Amino acid sequence: MKVKFITFILFYTILNSFSFAQQKCPDLENELKFQKAKNEELSKENRYYKETLGLLKPIQSVKIEGLQLDITSIVGSKADKTVTVTFMYKNIEAETRSFFQCEQAYFIDSQGNQAQTYEVFVSFNNGIRAENIEPNIPTKATITFKTTETTFPIIRQLKIIVYSKVLMTKNNEAIFENLDVVWK
């Protein structure tokens, strides 16, 4: 009798353990899904911060009329036959700058081929003109060029034409030399 009772208790305990484990399984699955979503979100944030650190590390810099222009990347697309230059511009003066306008740029590759501006985006509305530039706030801008060649490794010279903050009829040239192109 004692053996039957102990067997019954043991069997009942094992049965309850399986039942409890089956009830906890959906909870664990939900917790796992939550943790995976959280991990994915943290991975996105990590990529964002890595990109931000990359953007803040210039390849070359030029100061022109109270602005600092920092080239941060040059990426060529073999499929589109384009070269996109990403740069940051920053007002390095104490007062707010009324505008920054850039609509033209040129580059010459190491074989002497020239390319002219295809697209310029310097403001939040994807325009060629940014207004009221606060001091010491870097802002991202891009210039895209159409090109026939997709094999050149460097841009020998890049000229970005910047309108003067005093006279709109006067242009200044920000000149960068020997910039590596990353082709994708």
C-alpha atoms as a PDB file:
ATOM      1  CA  MET A   1       0.000   0.000   0.000  1.00  0.00           C
ATOM      2  CA  LYS A   2       2.815   2.348   0.919  1.00  0.00           C
ATOM      3  CA  VAL A   3       4.552   1.591  -2.378  1.00  0.00           C
ATOM      4  CA  LYS A   4       1.356   2.325  -4.346  1.00  0.00           C
ATOM      5  CA  PHE A   5       0.908   5.595  -2.505  1.00  0.00           C
ATOM      6  CA  ILE A   6       4.500   6.650  -3.148  1.00  0.00           C
ATOM      7  CA  THR A   7       4.161   5.629  -6.814  1.00  0.00           C
ATOM      8  CA  PHE A   8       0.933   7.637  -7.072  1.00  0.00           C
ATOM      9  CA  ILE A   9       2.573  10.726  -5.525  1.00  0.00           C
ATOM     10  CA  LEU A  10       5.608  10.366  -7.782  1.00  0.00           C
ATOM     11  CA  PHE A  11       3.429   9.919 -10.892  1.00  0.00           C
ATOM     12  CA  TYR A  12       1.259  12.895  -9.886  1.00  0.00           C
ATOM     13  CA  THR A  13       4.346  15.090  -9.366  1.00  0.00           C
ATOM     14  CA  ILE A  14       5.806  14.155 -12.748  1.00  0.00           C
ATOM     15  CA  LEU A  15       2.461  14.785 -14.452  1.00  0.00           C
ATOM     16  CA  ASN A  16       2.176  18.219 -12.824  1.00  0.00           C
ATOM     17  CA  SER A  17       5.746  19.064 -13.870  1.00  0.00           C
ATOM     18  CA  PHE A  18       4.957  18.317 -17.526  1.00  0.00           C
ATOM     19  CA  SER A  19       1.749  20.315 -17.302  1.00  0.00           C
ATOM     20  CA  PHE A  20       3.574  23.247 -15.721  1.00  0.00           C
ATOM     21  CA  ALA A  21       6.319  23.094 -18.354  1.00  0.00           C
ATOM     22  CA  GLN A  22       3.744  23.155 -21.139  1.00  0.00           C
ATOM     23  CA  GLN A  23       2.090  26.220 -19.606  1.00  0.00           C
ATOM     24  CA  LYS A  24       5.428  28.053 -19.324  1.00  0.00           C
ATOM     25  CA  CYS A  25       6.490  27.293 -22.889  1.00  0.00           C
ATOM     26  CA  PRO A  26       4.325  30.052 -24.511  1.00  0.00           C
ATOM     27  CA  ASP A  27       5.581  32.506 -21.882  1.00  0.00           C
ATOM     28  CA  LEU A  28       9.155  31.633 -22.749  1.00  0.00           C
ATOM     29  CA  GLU A  29       8.419  31.924 -26.464  1.00  0.00           C
ATOM     30  CA  ASN A  30       6.940  35.391 -25.928  1.00  0.00           C
ATOM     31  CA  GLU A  31       9.943  36.398 -23.829  1.00  0.00           C
ATOM     32  CA  LEU A  32      12.264  35.099 -26.557  1.00  0.00           C
ATOM     33  CA  LYS A  33      10.407  37.101 -29.235  1.00  0.00           C
ATOM     34  CA  PHE A  34      10.584  40.215 -27.062  1.00  0.00           C
ATOM     35  CA  GLN A  35      14.324  39.768 -26.489  1.00  0.00           C
ATOM     36  CA  LYS A  36      14.947  39.215 -30.224  1.00  0.00           C
ATOM     37  CA  ALA A  37      13.026  42.407 -31.072  1.00  0.00           C
ATOM     38  CA  LYS A  38      14.954  44.310 -28.416  1.00  0.00           C
ATOM     39  CA  ASN A  39      18.258  42.925 -29.752  1.00  0.00           C
ATOM     40  CA  GLU A  40      17.329  43.957 -33.307  1.00  0.00           C
ATOM     41  CA  GLU A  41      16.474  47.485 -32.132  1.00  0.00           C
ATOM     42  CA  LEU A  42      19.788  47.760 -30.276  1.00  0.00           C
ATOM     43  CA  SER A  43      21.619  46.538 -33.387  1.00  0.00           C
ATOM     44  CA  LYS A  44      19.949  49.307 -35.435  1.00  0.00           C
ATOM     45  CA  GLU A  45      20.993  51.893 -32.866  1.00  0.00           C
ATOM     46  CA  ASN A  46      24.521  50.509 -32.902  1.00  0.00           C
ATOM     47  CA  ARG A  47      24.726  50.814 -36.717  1.00  0.00           C
ATOM     48  CA  TYR A  48      23.378  54.392 -36.473  1.00  0.00           C
ATOM     49  CA  TYR A  49      26.029  55.392 -33.946  1.00  0.00           C
ATOM     50  CA  LYS A  50      28.803  53.744 -35.963  1.00  0.00           C
ATOM     51  CA  GLU A  51      27.664  55.648 -39.050  1.00  0.00           C
ATOM     52  CA  THR A  52      27.509  58.881 -37.057  1.00  0.00           C
ATOM     53  CA  LEU A  53      31.050  58.361 -35.807  1.00  0.00           C
ATOM     54  CA  GLY A  54      32.146  57.725 -39.389  1.00  0.00           C
ATOM     55  CA  LEU A  55      30.458  60.906 -40.573  1.00  0.00           C
ATOM     56  CA  LEU A  56      32.173  62.983 -37.947  1.00  0.00           C
ATOM     57  CA  LYS A  57      35.607  61.715 -38.974  1.00  0.00           C
ATOM     58  CA  PRO A  58      36.562  63.716 -42.073  1.00  0.00           C
ATOM     59  CA  ILE A  59      38.730  62.464 -44.913  1.00  0.00           C
ATOM     60  CA  GLN A  60      39.724  66.036 -45.791  1.00  0.00           C
ATOM     61  CA  SER A  61      38.654  69.474 -44.567  1.00  0.00           C
ATOM     62  CA  VAL A  62      38.611  72.969 -46.051  1.00  0.00           C
ATOM     63  CA  LYS A  63      37.678  76.265 -44.398  1.00  0.00           C
ATOM     64  CA  ILE A  64      36.065  78.827 -46.637  1.00  0.00           C
ATOM     65  CA  GLU A  65      34.373  82.094 -45.678  1.00  0.00           C
ATOM     66  CA  GLY A  66      33.438  81.068 -42.132  1.00  0.00           C
ATOM     67  CA  LEU A  67      32.401  77.542 -43.104  1.00  0.00           C
ATOM     68  CA  GLN A  68      34.211  74.284 -42.589  1.00  0.00           C
ATOM     69  CA  LEU A  69      33.568  71.613 -45.223  1.00  0.00           C
ATOM     70  CA  ASP A  70      34.550  68.048 -44.244  1.00  0.00           C
ATOM     71  CA  ILE A  71      34.496  65.284 -46.874  1.00  0.00           C
ATOM     72  CA  THR A  72      33.343  62.131 -45.052  1.00  0.00           C
ATOM     73  CA  SER A  73      32.850  59.592 -47.843  1.00  0.00           C
ATOM     74  CA  ILE A  74      33.070  59.112 -51.590  1.00  0.00           C
ATOM     75  CA  VAL A  75      31.107  56.175 -52.942  1.00  0.00           C
ATOM     76  CA  GLY A  76      30.857  55.178 -56.581  1.00  0.00           C
ATOM     77  CA  SER A  77      28.008  53.080 -57.947  1.00  0.00           C
ATOM     78  CA  LYS A  78      29.035  50.954 -60.924  1.00  0.00           C
ATOM     79  CA  ALA A  79      25.403  50.103 -61.689  1.00  0.00           C
ATOM     80  CA  ASP A  80      24.198  53.741 -61.748  1.00  0.00           C
ATOM     81  CA  LYS A  81      27.500  55.153 -63.043  1.00  0.00           C
ATOM     82  CA  THR A  82      27.450  57.788 -60.313  1.00  0.00           C
ATOM     83  CA  VAL A  83      29.821  59.055 -57.651  1.00  0.00           C
ATOM     84  CA  THR A  84      28.322  60.450 -54.448  1.00  0.00           C
ATOM     85  CA  VAL A  85      30.400  62.735 -52.261  1.00  0.00           C
ATOM     86  CA  THR A  86      29.106  63.088 -48.712  1.00  0.00           C
ATOM     87  CA  PHE A  87      30.322  66.019 -46.679  1.00  0.00           C
ATOM     88  CA  MET A  88      29.492  67.920 -43.522  1.00  0.00           C
ATOM     89  CA  TYR A  89      29.364  71.693 -43.440  1.00  0.00           C
ATOM     90  CA  LYS A  90      29.607  73.689 -40.242  1.00  0.00           C
ATOM     91  CA  ASN A  91      29.389  77.397 -39.501  1.00  0.00           C
ATOM     92  CA  ILE A  92      32.577  78.147 -37.543  1.00  0.00           C
ATOM     93  CA  GLU A  93      31.711  81.758 -36.826  1.00  0.00           C
ATOM     94  CA  ALA A  94      30.001  82.999 -33.656  1.00  0.00           C
ATOM     95  CA  GLU A  95      26.884  84.404 -35.385  1.00  0.00           C
ATOM     96  CA  THR A  96      24.192  82.553 -37.290  1.00  0.00           C
ATOM     97  CA  ARG A  97      25.020  82.443 -40.992  1.00  0.00           C
ATOM     98  CA  SER A  98      22.116  83.568 -43.163  1.00  0.00           C
ATOM     99  CA  PHE A  99      22.630  80.918 -45.857  1.00  0.00           C
ATOM    100  CA  PHE A 100      24.873  78.328 -47.476  1.00  0.00           C
ATOM    101  CA  GLN A 101      24.321  77.710 -51.168  1.00  0.00           C
ATOM    102  CA  CYS A 102      26.109  75.215 -53.340  1.00  0.00           C
ATOM    103  CA  GLU A 103      24.796  74.095 -56.705  1.00  0.00           C
ATOM    104  CA  GLN A 104      27.895  73.284 -58.706  1.00  0.00           C
ATOM    105  CA  ALA A 105      30.867  71.013 -58.266  1.00  0.00           C
ATOM    106  CA  TYR A 106      33.396  69.459 -60.593  1.00  0.00           C
ATOM    107  CA  PHE A 107      35.940  66.712 -60.315  1.00  0.00           C
ATOM    108  CA  ILE A 108      38.812  65.390 -62.373  1.00  0.00           C
ATOM    109  CA  ASP A 109      39.914  61.763 -62.045  1.00  0.00           C
ATOM    110  CA  SER A 110      43.491  60.537 -62.352  1.00  0.00           C
ATOM    111  CA  GLN A 111      43.110  59.995 -66.137  1.00  0.00           C
ATOM    112  CA  GLY A 112      41.912  63.560 -66.713  1.00  0.00           C
ATOM    113  CA  ASN A 113      38.210  62.692 -67.147  1.00  0.00           C
ATOM    114  CA  GLN A 114      35.894  65.390 -65.838  1.00  0.00           C
ATOM    115  CA  ALA A 115      32.460  65.142 -64.265  1.00  0.00           C
ATOM    116  CA  GLN A 116      29.982  67.841 -63.349  1.00  0.00           C
ATOM    117  CA  THR A 117      27.254  67.980 -60.724  1.00  0.00           C
ATOM    118  CA  TYR A 118      24.170  65.839 -61.203  1.00  0.00           C
ATOM    119  CA  GLU A 119      22.440  66.431 -57.820  1.00  0.00           C
ATOM    120  CA  VAL A 120      23.186  68.588 -54.794  1.00  0.00           C
ATOM    121  CA  PHE A 121      21.428  68.308 -51.427  1.00  0.00           C
ATOM    122  CA  VAL A 122      22.562  70.707 -48.693  1.00  0.00           C
ATOM    123  CA  SER A 123      19.311  71.313 -46.830  1.00  0.00           C
ATOM    124  CA  PHE A 124      16.593  69.308 -45.130  1.00  0.00           C
ATOM    125  CA  ASN A 125      14.224  69.790 -48.068  1.00  0.00           C
ATOM    126  CA  ASN A 126      16.792  68.324 -50.497  1.00  0.00           C
ATOM    127  CA  GLY A 127      17.663  71.705 -51.919  1.00  0.00           C
ATOM    128  CA  ILE A 128      20.799  73.552 -52.950  1.00  0.00           C
ATOM    129  CA  ARG A 129      20.408  76.247 -50.295  1.00  0.00           C
ATOM    130  CA  ALA A 130      20.346  76.026 -46.505  1.00  0.00           C
ATOM    131  CA  GLU A 131      19.086  78.951 -44.432  1.00  0.00           C
ATOM    132  CA  ASN A 132      19.985  80.185 -40.935  1.00  0.00           C
ATOM    133  CA  ILE A 133      22.970  77.989 -40.184  1.00  0.00           C
ATOM    134  CA  GLU A 134      23.666  77.962 -36.464  1.00  0.00           C
ATOM    135  CA  PRO A 135      27.281  77.997 -35.255  1.00  0.00           C
ATOM    136  CA  ASN A 136      29.108  74.700 -34.654  1.00  0.00           C
ATOM    137  CA  ILE A 137      26.321  72.362 -35.794  1.00  0.00           C
ATOM    138  CA  PRO A 138      27.557  69.972 -38.488  1.00  0.00           C
ATOM    139  CA  THR A 139      25.030  69.326 -41.239  1.00  0.00           C
ATOM    140  CA  LYS A 140      25.197  66.511 -43.775  1.00  0.00           C
ATOM    141  CA  ALA A 141      25.158  67.259 -47.503  1.00  0.00           C
ATOM    142  CA  THR A 142      25.667  65.216 -50.672  1.00  0.00           C
ATOM    143  CA  ILE A 143      26.771  65.905 -54.207  1.00  0.00           C
ATOM    144  CA  THR A 144      26.213  63.269 -56.886  1.00  0.00           C
ATOM    145  CA  PHE A 145      28.028  63.146 -60.199  1.00  0.00           C
ATOM    146  CA  LYS A 146      27.193  61.170 -63.349  1.00  0.00           C
ATOM    147  CA  THR A 147      30.250  59.560 -64.899  1.00  0.00           C
ATOM    148  CA  THR A 148      31.096  57.293 -67.799  1.00  0.00           C
ATOM    149  CA  GLU A 149      34.081  55.666 -66.080  1.00  0.00           C
ATOM    150  CA  THR A 150      33.544  53.347 -63.129  1.00  0.00           C
ATOM    151  CA  THR A 151      37.059  52.149 -62.440  1.00  0.00           C
ATOM    152  CA  PHE A 152      39.058  55.157 -61.272  1.00  0.00           C
ATOM    153  CA  PRO A 153      40.374  54.713 -57.718  1.00  0.00           C
ATOM    154  CA  ILE A 154      40.873  58.377 -56.814  1.00  0.00           C
ATOM    155  CA  ILE A 155      39.507  61.804 -57.582  1.00  0.00           C
ATOM    156  CA  ARG A 156      42.521  63.924 -58.398  1.00  0.00           C
ATOM    157  CA  GLN A 157      40.739  67.207 -57.693  1.00  0.00           C
ATOM    158  CA  LEU A 158      37.255  68.095 -56.462  1.00  0.00           C
ATOM    159  CA  LYS A 159      35.989  71.681 -56.607  1.00  0.00           C
ATOM    160  CA  ILE A 160      32.818  72.643 -54.761  1.00  0.00           C
ATOM    161  CA  ILE A 161      31.502  76.062 -55.750  1.00  0.00           C
ATOM    162  CA  VAL A 162      30.142  77.942 -52.733  1.00  0.00           C
ATOM    163  CA  TYR A 163      28.264  81.221 -53.037  1.00  0.00           C
ATOM    164  CA  SER A 164      29.745  84.089 -51.052  1.00  0.00           C
ATOM    165  CA  LYS A 165      27.853  85.090 -47.921  1.00  0.00           C
ATOM    166  CA  VAL A 166      28.307  88.764 -48.855  1.00  0.00           C
ATOM    167  CA  LEU A 167      27.866  88.937 -52.647  1.00  0.00           C
ATOM    168  CA  MET A 168      25.727  86.324 -54.397  1.00  0.00           C
ATOM    169  CA  THR A 169      27.528  87.092 -57.657  1.00  0.00           C
ATOM    170  CA  LYS A 170      30.889  86.067 -56.193  1.00  0.00           C
ATOM    171  CA  ASN A 171      31.712  82.371 -55.951  1.00  0.00           C
ATOM    172  CA  ASN A 172      34.337  80.660 -53.812  1.00  0.00           C
ATOM    173  CA  GLU A 173      35.942  77.319 -54.598  1.00  0.00           C
ATOM    174  CA  ALA A 174      36.488  74.690 -51.933  1.00  0.00           C
ATOM    175  CA  ILE A 175      39.231  72.490 -53.418  1.00  0.00           C
ATOM    176  CA  PHE A 176      39.982  68.930 -52.285  1.00  0.00           C
ATOM    177  CA  GLU A 177      42.710  66.728 -53.773  1.00  0.00           C
ATOM    178  CA  ASN A 178      43.523  63.009 -54.009  1.00  0.00           C
ATOM    179  CA  LEU A 179      40.305  61.553 -52.606  1.00  0.00           C
ATOM    180  CA  ASP A 180      39.831  57.768 -52.613  1.00  0.00           C
ATOM    181  CA  VAL A 181      36.660  56.425 -54.246  1.00  0.00           C
ATOM    182  CA  VAL A 182      34.974  53.308 -52.856  1.00  0.00           C
ATOM    183  CA  TRP A 183      33.170  51.493 -55.706  1.00  0.00           C
ATOM    184  CA  LYS A 184      30.146  49.323 -55.041  1.00  0.00           C
END
